[in-house]
Amino acid sequence: MARSDRKRLAAEEGARALADVERHAIEVRTNMARLREVREAKEAADAVLEEALPAPMPKKRSRKPRI
């Protein structure tokens, strides 16, 4: 009787633990997808901004004589 109760409880706890692990994995994948979308949107906005900016001027070399 007690042994079967322990087995039943262990099986229930195991099933609960597996469900928790799966739920956590789904949450992680969802968050990763959200972060990927945010990153891609930022990269696209940065690319548009960079195209809109004028090209940087080349640096002029100084004419100081080297010693």
N, C-alpha and C. Protein backbone atom coordinates (compact mmCIF):
# COMPACT_ATOMS: atom_id res chain seq x y z
N MET A 1 0.82 -1.19 0.00
CA MET A 1 0.00 0.00 0.00
C MET A 1 0.87 1.26 0.00
N ALA A 2 1.77 1.39 0.95
CA ALA A 2 2.63 2.58 1.04
C ALA A 2 3.55 2.65 -0.17
N ARG A 3 4.01 1.49 -0.62
CA ARG A 3 4.91 1.46 -1.78
C ARG A 3 4.19 1.95 -3.03
N SER A 4 2.98 1.52 -3.23
CA SER A 4 2.23 1.95 -4.41
C SER A 4 1.92 3.45 -4.33
N ASP A 5 1.68 3.96 -3.10
CA ASP A 5 1.46 5.39 -2.94
C ASP A 5 2.71 6.18 -3.31
N ARG A 6 3.88 5.68 -2.88
CA ARG A 6 5.13 6.36 -3.20
C ARG A 6 5.37 6.36 -4.71
N LYS A 7 5.09 5.23 -5.35
CA LYS A 7 5.27 5.14 -6.80
C LYS A 7 4.32 6.11 -7.52
N ARG A 8 3.10 6.15 -7.06
CA ARG A 8 2.12 7.04 -7.67
C ARG A 8 2.53 8.50 -7.50
N LEU A 9 2.95 8.86 -6.28
CA LEU A 9 3.40 10.23 -6.03
C LEU A 9 4.63 10.58 -6.87
N ALA A 10 5.56 9.63 -6.97
CA ALA A 10 6.76 9.88 -7.77
C ALA A 10 6.40 10.08 -9.23
N ALA A 11 5.46 9.29 -9.74
CA ALA A 11 5.03 9.42 -11.13
C ALA A 11 4.35 10.78 -11.35
N GLU A 12 3.53 11.20 -10.40
CA GLU A 12 2.85 12.49 -10.52
C GLU A 12 3.86 13.64 -10.48
N GLU A 13 4.83 13.56 -9.57
CA GLU A 13 5.85 14.61 -9.47
C GLU A 13 6.71 14.64 -10.73
N GLY A 14 7.02 13.46 -11.26
CA GLY A 14 7.81 13.40 -12.50
C GLY A 14 7.07 14.04 -13.66
N ALA A 15 5.79 13.75 -13.78
CA ALA A 15 4.98 14.33 -14.84
C ALA A 15 4.89 15.85 -14.68
N ARG A 16 4.74 16.31 -13.44
CA ARG A 16 4.69 17.75 -13.17
C ARG A 16 6.02 18.41 -13.53
N ALA A 17 7.12 17.74 -13.17
CA ALA A 17 8.45 18.29 -13.47
C ALA A 17 8.67 18.37 -14.98
N LEU A 18 8.28 17.34 -15.71
CA LEU A 18 8.43 17.37 -17.17
C LEU A 18 7.58 18.47 -17.79
N ALA A 19 6.39 18.66 -17.28
CA ALA A 19 5.51 19.73 -17.79
C ALA A 19 6.14 21.10 -17.51
N ASP A 20 6.74 21.27 -16.32
CA ASP A 20 7.40 22.53 -15.99
C ASP A 20 8.58 22.79 -16.92
N VAL A 21 9.36 21.76 -17.19
CA VAL A 21 10.52 21.90 -18.07
C VAL A 21 10.06 22.28 -19.47
N GLU A 22 9.03 21.63 -19.97
CA GLU A 22 8.52 21.94 -21.30
C GLU A 22 7.96 23.36 -21.36
N ARG A 23 7.23 23.77 -20.33
CA ARG A 23 6.67 25.12 -20.29
C ARG A 23 7.80 26.16 -20.30
N HIS A 24 8.84 25.89 -19.50
CA HIS A 24 9.99 26.80 -19.45
C HIS A 24 10.68 26.87 -20.82
N ALA A 25 10.83 25.74 -21.49
CA ALA A 25 11.47 25.72 -22.81
C ALA A 25 10.66 26.53 -23.81
N ILE A 26 9.34 26.43 -23.74
CA ILE A 26 8.48 27.21 -24.64
C ILE A 26 8.64 28.70 -24.36
N GLU A 27 8.69 29.08 -23.08
CA GLU A 27 8.87 30.48 -22.72
C GLU A 27 10.20 31.01 -23.23
N VAL A 28 11.25 30.20 -23.12
CA VAL A 28 12.58 30.62 -23.58
C VAL A 28 12.57 30.82 -25.10
N ARG A 29 11.98 29.87 -25.84
CA ARG A 29 11.93 30.00 -27.30
C ARG A 29 11.11 31.23 -27.72
N THR A 30 10.02 31.50 -27.01
CA THR A 30 9.19 32.66 -27.32
C THR A 30 9.98 33.94 -27.08
N ASN A 31 10.69 34.00 -25.97
CA ASN A 31 11.48 35.19 -25.65
C ASN A 31 12.61 35.37 -26.67
N MET A 32 13.25 34.29 -27.07
CA MET A 32 14.32 34.38 -28.06
C MET A 32 13.79 34.91 -29.39
N ALA A 33 12.60 34.47 -29.79
CA ALA A 33 12.00 34.95 -31.03
C ALA A 33 11.69 36.44 -30.92
N ARG A 34 11.19 36.87 -29.77
CA ARG A 34 10.88 38.29 -29.56
C ARG A 34 12.15 39.13 -29.63
N LEU A 35 13.20 38.67 -28.97
CA LEU A 35 14.46 39.40 -28.97
C LEU A 35 15.07 39.44 -30.37
N ARG A 36 14.94 38.36 -31.13
CA ARG A 36 15.45 38.33 -32.50
C ARG A 36 14.73 39.37 -33.36
N GLU A 37 13.41 39.48 -33.20
CA GLU A 37 12.64 40.47 -33.96
C GLU A 37 13.08 41.89 -33.59
N VAL A 38 13.30 42.15 -32.32
CA VAL A 38 13.74 43.47 -31.88
C VAL A 38 15.11 43.78 -32.46
N ARG A 39 16.03 42.81 -32.42
CA ARG A 39 17.38 43.01 -32.95
C ARG A 39 17.34 43.28 -34.45
N GLU A 40 16.56 42.49 -35.19
CA GLU A 40 16.48 42.67 -36.64
C GLU A 40 15.86 44.03 -36.99
N ALA A 41 14.87 44.46 -36.24
CA ALA A 41 14.27 45.77 -36.49
C ALA A 41 15.29 46.88 -36.22
N LYS A 42 16.08 46.75 -35.17
CA LYS A 42 17.09 47.75 -34.85
C LYS A 42 18.16 47.77 -35.94
N GLU A 43 18.59 46.60 -36.40
CA GLU A 43 19.60 46.56 -37.46
C GLU A 43 19.08 47.20 -38.73
N ALA A 44 17.81 46.97 -39.06
CA ALA A 44 17.22 47.58 -40.26
C ALA A 44 17.16 49.09 -40.11
N ALA A 45 16.76 49.57 -38.93
CA ALA A 45 16.69 51.01 -38.69
C ALA A 45 18.08 51.63 -38.75
N ASP A 46 19.08 50.95 -38.20
CA ASP A 46 20.45 51.45 -38.25
C ASP A 46 20.95 51.52 -39.69
N ALA A 47 20.61 50.52 -40.51
CA ALA A 47 21.04 50.52 -41.91
C ALA A 47 20.41 51.69 -42.66
N VAL A 48 19.13 51.96 -42.42
CA VAL A 48 18.46 53.09 -43.08
C VAL A 48 19.10 54.39 -42.63
N LEU A 49 19.39 54.52 -41.35
CA LEU A 49 20.01 55.74 -40.83
C LEU A 49 21.40 55.93 -41.42
N GLU A 50 22.16 54.87 -41.53
CA GLU A 50 23.52 54.97 -42.07
C GLU A 50 23.49 55.38 -43.54
N GLU A 51 22.50 54.88 -44.29
CA GLU A 51 22.37 55.27 -45.69
C GLU A 51 22.01 56.74 -45.82
N ALA A 52 21.25 57.27 -44.87
CA ALA A 52 20.80 58.65 -44.92
C ALA A 52 21.91 59.63 -44.54
N LEU A 53 22.89 59.19 -43.79
CA LEU A 53 23.97 60.07 -43.36
C LEU A 53 24.96 60.28 -44.49
N PRO A 54 25.58 61.45 -44.56
CA PRO A 54 26.59 61.67 -45.60
C PRO A 54 27.83 60.82 -45.32
N ALA A 55 28.58 60.57 -46.38
CA ALA A 55 29.79 59.76 -46.23
C ALA A 55 30.79 60.53 -45.38
N PRO A 56 31.54 59.86 -44.54
CA PRO A 56 32.51 60.57 -43.69
C PRO A 56 33.63 61.15 -44.56
N MET A 57 34.10 62.31 -44.16
CA MET A 57 35.19 62.96 -44.88
C MET A 57 36.49 62.24 -44.56
N PRO A 58 37.35 62.06 -45.56
CA PRO A 58 38.63 61.42 -45.27
C PRO A 58 39.48 62.34 -44.40
N LYS A 59 40.22 61.75 -43.52
CA LYS A 59 41.05 62.54 -42.62
C LYS A 59 42.25 63.08 -43.38
N LYS A 60 42.55 64.34 -43.12
CA LYS A 60 43.70 64.96 -43.77
C LYS A 60 44.95 64.62 -42.96
N ARG A 61 46.00 64.39 -43.69
CA ARG A 61 47.26 64.09 -43.02
C ARG A 61 47.93 65.40 -42.65
N SER A 62 48.52 65.44 -41.51
CA SER A 62 49.21 66.65 -41.09
C SER A 62 50.54 66.75 -41.84
N ARG A 63 51.01 67.95 -42.00
CA ARG A 63 52.25 68.16 -42.73
C ARG A 63 53.41 68.39 -41.78
N LYS A 64 53.23 67.99 -40.55
CA LYS A 64 54.32 68.16 -39.59
C LYS A 64 55.46 67.23 -39.98
N PRO A 65 56.66 67.72 -39.95
CA PRO A 65 57.78 66.81 -40.24
C PRO A 65 58.01 65.88 -39.07
N ARG A 66 58.28 64.66 -39.38
CA ARG A 66 58.55 63.68 -38.30
C ARG A 66 60.01 63.76 -37.88
N ILE A 67 60.22 63.57 -36.63
CA ILE A 67 61.59 63.62 -36.11
C ILE A 67 62.00 62.25 -35.63
